[in-house]
Amino acid sequence: IESYLEERCYPWLYPHGKGGEADPERPLQINLRDYYKQRLKSADNRWQKDPTWIFRALNLLQREDLCRSVNYHFSCSNASDIGMVIRGSSAFWDKARRHLRSMYATLGKPFIFLSINLQDDVEFLTNINPEKFGSTCNPNWEAIDSLSDDEYLMLANENPAIVARM
C-alpha cells in the first residue's frame, strides 16, 4: 500500500493529510486489519458513515487474506508441480520417470521396445499422393527417399487429419 494514498483518496476523512493506513510517521506500526478495526470502533464516526471507505477497507482486507492463503497453500504444496507442464524441465522428466517406474512395478519387465517414426511409415505418404509415392503394396522408394525433412514436415502440416489417423 502506497504511503499517503488513503489520505489523498479521502481528504474529507483526513483534513490534515496524515494518519492513514500506511502513514510512515506513525510511531507504532500496526497491521492493516487492526488499523481498520480501530477506525471502525473509533468514537469519531466519520469512517463508519463513509460507505466507499468501508468498501475499500473490506476489499483490501479480502485481497490480503486471499494473498496470504495462496502463499500458504503454495508453500505447503510441491512447487515442482509447476515445472511438470514445461517440456524438458527436470520436473517434467521426473514425472515421466515415476510413471515409467510405476508401469514397470505394475506390468513387469518390458519384453519389447517399439519406436515408431512417422517418416518410416510409407502408408502416410501413399495416402497423400498415390501417383507420386505409389501404393501401399508397391511404394515408390526413390520419391520417398528423396524427400527432405522440410518437405516431409510441410506434407504433415498440410494433412493433419491423415497424420492423426496414422
C-alpha atoms as a PDB file:
ATOM      1  CA  ILE A   1       0.000   0.000   0.000  1.00  0.00           C
ATOM      2  CA  GLU A   2       1.352   3.360  -1.025  1.00  0.00           C
ATOM      3  CA  SER A   3       2.103   5.934   1.644  1.00  0.00           C
ATOM      4  CA  TYR A   4      -0.497   8.687   1.942  1.00  0.00           C
ATOM      5  CA  LEU A   5      -2.761   7.031  -0.660  1.00  0.00           C
ATOM      6  CA  GLU A   6      -5.723   6.820   1.696  1.00  0.00           C
ATOM      7  CA  GLU A   7      -5.253  10.425   2.777  1.00  0.00           C
ATOM      8  CA  ARG A   8      -5.303  11.585  -0.860  1.00  0.00           C
ATOM      9  CA  CYS A   9      -8.342   9.466  -1.742  1.00  0.00           C
ATOM     10  CA  TYR A  10     -10.397  10.610   1.246  1.00  0.00           C
ATOM     11  CA  PRO A  11      -9.434  14.225   2.031  1.00  0.00           C
ATOM     12  CA  TRP A  12     -12.723  14.748   3.943  1.00  0.00           C
ATOM     13  CA  LEU A  13     -11.658  11.995   6.375  1.00  0.00           C
ATOM     14  CA  TYR A  14      -8.073  13.259   6.712  1.00  0.00           C
ATOM     15  CA  PRO A  15      -8.201  17.072   6.623  1.00  0.00           C
ATOM     16  CA  HIS A  16      -4.547  17.384   7.704  1.00  0.00           C
ATOM     17  CA  GLY A  17      -3.327  14.697   5.245  1.00  0.00           C
ATOM     18  CA  LYS A  18      -1.861  12.422   7.933  1.00  0.00           C
ATOM     19  CA  GLY A  19      -2.804   9.332   9.898  1.00  0.00           C
ATOM     20  CA  GLY A  20      -3.825   6.972   7.089  1.00  0.00           C
ATOM     21  CA  GLU A  21      -3.274   3.233   6.782  1.00  0.00           C
ATOM     22  CA  ALA A  22       0.351   3.446   5.578  1.00  0.00           C
ATOM     23  CA  ASP A  23       1.447   6.591   7.377  1.00  0.00           C
ATOM     24  CA  PRO A  24       5.265   6.369   7.686  1.00  0.00           C
ATOM     25  CA  GLU A  25       5.208   8.893  10.529  1.00  0.00           C
ATOM     26  CA  ARG A  26       3.170   6.612  12.816  1.00  0.00           C
ATOM     27  CA  PRO A  27       5.345   5.786  15.869  1.00  0.00           C
ATOM     28  CA  LEU A  28       3.925   2.266  16.249  1.00  0.00           C
ATOM     29  CA  GLN A  29       3.210   0.426  13.006  1.00  0.00           C
ATOM     30  CA  ILE A  30       0.073  -1.748  13.085  1.00  0.00           C
ATOM     31  CA  ASN A  31      -1.195  -4.256  10.575  1.00  0.00           C
ATOM     32  CA  LEU A  32      -3.996  -3.421   8.162  1.00  0.00           C
ATOM     33  CA  ARG A  33      -6.685  -5.444   9.934  1.00  0.00           C
ATOM     34  CA  ASP A  34      -6.030  -3.783  13.290  1.00  0.00           C
ATOM     35  CA  TYR A  35      -5.923  -0.355  11.646  1.00  0.00           C
ATOM     36  CA  TYR A  36      -9.369  -0.789  10.042  1.00  0.00           C
ATOM     37  CA  LYS A  37     -10.781  -2.294  13.227  1.00  0.00           C
ATOM     38  CA  GLN A  38      -9.534   0.698  15.217  1.00  0.00           C
ATOM     39  CA  ARG A  39     -11.018   3.162  12.700  1.00  0.00           C
ATOM     40  CA  LEU A  40     -14.432   1.463  12.714  1.00  0.00           C
ATOM     41  CA  LYS A  41     -14.558   1.310  16.528  1.00  0.00           C
ATOM     42  CA  SER A  42     -13.399   4.906  16.921  1.00  0.00           C
ATOM     43  CA  ALA A  43     -15.565   7.402  18.808  1.00  0.00           C
ATOM     44  CA  ASP A  44     -15.214   9.654  15.773  1.00  0.00           C
ATOM     45  CA  ASN A  45     -17.758   8.003  13.471  1.00  0.00           C
ATOM     46  CA  ARG A  46     -16.820   9.691  10.172  1.00  0.00           C
ATOM     47  CA  TRP A  47     -15.233   6.418   8.897  1.00  0.00           C
ATOM     48  CA  GLN A  48     -18.337   4.446   9.855  1.00  0.00           C
ATOM     49  CA  LYS A  49     -20.531   6.830   7.840  1.00  0.00           C
ATOM     50  CA  ASP A  50     -18.497   6.658   4.612  1.00  0.00           C
ATOM     51  CA  PRO A  51     -19.612   3.599   2.554  1.00  0.00           C
ATOM     52  CA  THR A  52     -16.817   3.975  -0.026  1.00  0.00           C
ATOM     53  CA  TRP A  53     -14.175   3.893   2.707  1.00  0.00           C
ATOM     54  CA  ILE A  54     -15.792   0.789   4.260  1.00  0.00           C
ATOM     55  CA  PHE A  55     -15.983  -0.931   0.864  1.00  0.00           C
ATOM     56  CA  ARG A  56     -12.323  -0.157   0.128  1.00  0.00           C
ATOM     57  CA  ALA A  57     -11.268  -1.388   3.565  1.00  0.00           C
ATOM     58  CA  LEU A  58     -13.174  -4.647   3.102  1.00  0.00           C
ATOM     59  CA  ASN A  59     -11.750  -5.069  -0.399  1.00  0.00           C
ATOM     60  CA  LEU A  60      -8.161  -4.596   0.807  1.00  0.00           C
ATOM     61  CA  LEU A  61      -8.668  -6.999   3.713  1.00  0.00           C
ATOM     62  CA  GLN A  62     -10.130  -9.659   1.413  1.00  0.00           C
ATOM     63  CA  ARG A  63      -7.232  -9.260  -1.003  1.00  0.00           C
ATOM     64  CA  GLU A  64      -4.740  -9.552   1.837  1.00  0.00           C
ATOM     65  CA  ASP A  65      -6.484 -12.710   3.097  1.00  0.00           C
ATOM     66  CA  LEU A  66      -6.505 -14.175  -0.401  1.00  0.00           C
ATOM     67  CA  CYS A  67      -2.797 -13.474  -0.951  1.00  0.00           C
ATOM     68  CA  ARG A  68      -1.934 -14.931   2.436  1.00  0.00           C
ATOM     69  CA  SER A  69      -3.997 -18.060   1.696  1.00  0.00           C
ATOM     70  CA  VAL A  70      -2.477 -18.532  -1.764  1.00  0.00           C
ATOM     71  CA  ASN A  71       1.045 -18.105  -0.419  1.00  0.00           C
ATOM     72  CA  TYR A  72       0.342 -20.574   2.392  1.00  0.00           C
ATOM     73  CA  HIS A  73      -1.058 -23.232   0.074  1.00  0.00           C
ATOM     74  CA  PHE A  74       1.751 -22.682  -2.408  1.00  0.00           C
ATOM     75  CA  SER A  75       4.356 -23.155   0.314  1.00  0.00           C
ATOM     76  CA  CYS A  76       2.595 -26.325   1.511  1.00  0.00           C
ATOM     77  CA  SER A  77       2.244 -27.859  -1.937  1.00  0.00           C
ATOM     78  CA  ASN A  78       5.004 -29.263  -4.041  1.00  0.00           C
ATOM     79  CA  ALA A  79       6.329 -26.289  -6.011  1.00  0.00           C
ATOM     80  CA  SER A  80       7.793 -28.630  -8.635  1.00  0.00           C
ATOM     81  CA  ASP A  81       4.242 -29.267  -9.910  1.00  0.00           C
ATOM     82  CA  ILE A  82       4.569 -26.054 -11.891  1.00  0.00           C
ATOM     83  CA  GLY A  83       7.540 -27.376 -13.843  1.00  0.00           C
ATOM     84  CA  MET A  84       5.758 -30.595 -14.790  1.00  0.00           C
ATOM     85  CA  VAL A  85       3.971 -28.846 -17.634  1.00  0.00           C
ATOM     86  CA  ILE A  86       7.176 -27.404 -19.099  1.00  0.00           C
ATOM     87  CA  ARG A  87       8.565 -29.964 -21.528  1.00  0.00           C
ATOM     88  CA  GLY A  88      12.213 -30.783 -20.976  1.00  0.00           C
ATOM     89  CA  SER A  89      12.384 -29.487 -17.412  1.00  0.00           C
ATOM     90  CA  SER A  90      13.659 -31.736 -14.642  1.00  0.00           C
ATOM     91  CA  ALA A  91      10.173 -31.866 -13.095  1.00  0.00           C
ATOM     92  CA  PHE A  92       8.717 -32.962 -16.449  1.00  0.00           C
ATOM     93  CA  TRP A  93      11.217 -35.803 -16.788  1.00  0.00           C
ATOM     94  CA  ASP A  94      10.843 -36.693 -13.116  1.00  0.00           C
ATOM     95  CA  LYS A  95       7.107 -37.210 -13.671  1.00  0.00           C
ATOM     96  CA  ALA A  96       7.781 -39.344 -16.761  1.00  0.00           C
ATOM     97  CA  ARG A  97      10.394 -41.350 -14.850  1.00  0.00           C
ATOM     98  CA  ARG A  98       7.961 -42.010 -11.979  1.00  0.00           C
ATOM     99  CA  HIS A  99       5.259 -43.033 -14.460  1.00  0.00           C
ATOM    100  CA  LEU A 100       7.648 -45.445 -16.160  1.00  0.00           C
ATOM    101  CA  ARG A 101       8.714 -46.936 -12.814  1.00  0.00           C
ATOM    102  CA  SER A 102       5.090 -47.460 -11.792  1.00  0.00           C
ATOM    103  CA  MET A 103       4.404 -49.206 -15.109  1.00  0.00           C
ATOM    104  CA  TYR A 104       7.440 -51.413 -14.522  1.00  0.00           C
ATOM    105  CA  ALA A 105       6.247 -52.236 -10.992  1.00  0.00           C
ATOM    106  CA  THR A 106       2.701 -52.979 -12.169  1.00  0.00           C
ATOM    107  CA  LEU A 107       3.256 -54.708 -15.508  1.00  0.00           C
ATOM    108  CA  GLY A 108       6.722 -56.146 -15.016  1.00  0.00           C
ATOM    109  CA  LYS A 109       9.820 -56.015 -17.158  1.00  0.00           C
ATOM    110  CA  PRO A 110       9.229 -54.928 -20.776  1.00  0.00           C
ATOM    111  CA  PHE A 111       9.921 -57.575 -23.373  1.00  0.00           C
ATOM    112  CA  ILE A 112       9.781 -55.396 -26.494  1.00  0.00           C
ATOM    113  CA  PHE A 113      10.547 -51.776 -27.267  1.00  0.00           C
ATOM    114  CA  LEU A 114       8.752 -50.339 -30.264  1.00  0.00           C
ATOM    115  CA  SER A 115       9.736 -46.959 -31.610  1.00  0.00           C
ATOM    116  CA  ILE A 116       7.596 -45.594 -34.430  1.00  0.00           C
ATOM    117  CA  ASN A 117       8.658 -42.722 -36.614  1.00  0.00           C
ATOM    118  CA  LEU A 118       6.109 -41.237 -38.998  1.00  0.00           C
ATOM    119  CA  GLN A 119       8.826 -40.838 -41.638  1.00  0.00           C
ATOM    120  CA  ASP A 120       9.254 -44.605 -41.666  1.00  0.00           C
ATOM    121  CA  ASP A 121       5.536 -45.049 -42.338  1.00  0.00           C
ATOM    122  CA  VAL A 122       5.078 -45.473 -46.073  1.00  0.00           C
ATOM    123  CA  GLU A 123       1.293 -45.638 -45.751  1.00  0.00           C
ATOM    124  CA  PHE A 124       1.139 -41.964 -44.764  1.00  0.00           C
ATOM    125  CA  LEU A 125       2.829 -40.811 -47.978  1.00  0.00           C
ATOM    126  CA  THR A 126       0.959 -43.220 -50.234  1.00  0.00           C
ATOM    127  CA  ASN A 127      -2.372 -41.966 -48.866  1.00  0.00           C
ATOM    128  CA  ILE A 128      -1.429 -38.352 -49.553  1.00  0.00           C
ATOM    129  CA  ASN A 129      -0.287 -38.735 -53.152  1.00  0.00           C
ATOM    130  CA  PRO A 130      -0.548 -42.231 -54.681  1.00  0.00           C
ATOM    131  CA  GLU A 131       0.652 -41.014 -58.114  1.00  0.00           C
ATOM    132  CA  LYS A 132       3.912 -39.636 -56.717  1.00  0.00           C
ATOM    133  CA  PHE A 133       4.624 -42.054 -53.848  1.00  0.00           C
ATOM    134  CA  GLY A 134       2.972 -45.211 -55.207  1.00  0.00           C
ATOM    135  CA  SER A 135       0.618 -47.556 -53.400  1.00  0.00           C
ATOM    136  CA  THR A 136       0.994 -49.238 -50.030  1.00  0.00           C
ATOM    137  CA  CYS A 137       1.786 -52.561 -51.707  1.00  0.00           C
ATOM    138  CA  ASN A 138       4.162 -51.040 -54.268  1.00  0.00           C
ATOM    139  CA  PRO A 139       5.710 -47.799 -52.883  1.00  0.00           C
ATOM    140  CA  ASN A 140       7.923 -45.527 -54.989  1.00  0.00           C
ATOM    141  CA  TRP A 141      11.036 -45.659 -52.793  1.00  0.00           C
ATOM    142  CA  GLU A 142      13.003 -43.177 -54.910  1.00  0.00           C
ATOM    143  CA  ALA A 143      10.382 -40.435 -54.403  1.00  0.00           C
ATOM    144  CA  ILE A 144      10.021 -41.287 -50.708  1.00  0.00           C
ATOM    145  CA  ASP A 145      13.773 -41.301 -50.013  1.00  0.00           C
ATOM    146  CA  SER A 146      14.333 -38.067 -51.949  1.00  0.00           C
ATOM    147  CA  LEU A 147      12.009 -36.089 -49.622  1.00  0.00           C
ATOM    148  CA  SER A 148      13.835 -33.637 -47.389  1.00  0.00           C
ATOM    149  CA  ASP A 149      12.819 -33.166 -43.762  1.00  0.00           C
ATOM    150  CA  ASP A 150      11.298 -29.770 -44.557  1.00  0.00           C
ATOM    151  CA  GLU A 151       9.205 -31.189 -47.403  1.00  0.00           C
ATOM    152  CA  TYR A 152       8.043 -34.016 -45.167  1.00  0.00           C
ATOM    153  CA  LEU A 153       7.059 -31.593 -42.387  1.00  0.00           C
ATOM    154  CA  MET A 154       5.212 -29.455 -44.923  1.00  0.00           C
ATOM    155  CA  LEU A 155       3.232 -32.511 -46.095  1.00  0.00           C
ATOM    156  CA  ALA A 156       2.453 -33.466 -42.498  1.00  0.00           C
ATOM    157  CA  ASN A 157       1.286 -29.915 -41.685  1.00  0.00           C
ATOM    158  CA  GLU A 158      -0.897 -29.773 -44.807  1.00  0.00           C
ATOM    159  CA  ASN A 159      -2.601 -33.089 -43.962  1.00  0.00           C
ATOM    160  CA  PRO A 160      -3.229 -33.141 -40.198  1.00  0.00           C
ATOM    161  CA  ALA A 161      -6.286 -35.410 -40.475  1.00  0.00           C
ATOM    162  CA  ILE A 162      -4.286 -38.164 -42.174  1.00  0.00           C
ATOM    163  CA  VAL A 163      -1.451 -37.766 -39.667  1.00  0.00           C
ATOM    164  CA  ALA A 164      -3.932 -38.131 -36.796  1.00  0.00           C
ATOM    165  CA  ARG A 165      -5.310 -41.367 -38.275  1.00  0.00           C
ATOM    166  CA  MET A 166      -1.891 -42.941 -38.779  1.00  0.00           C
END
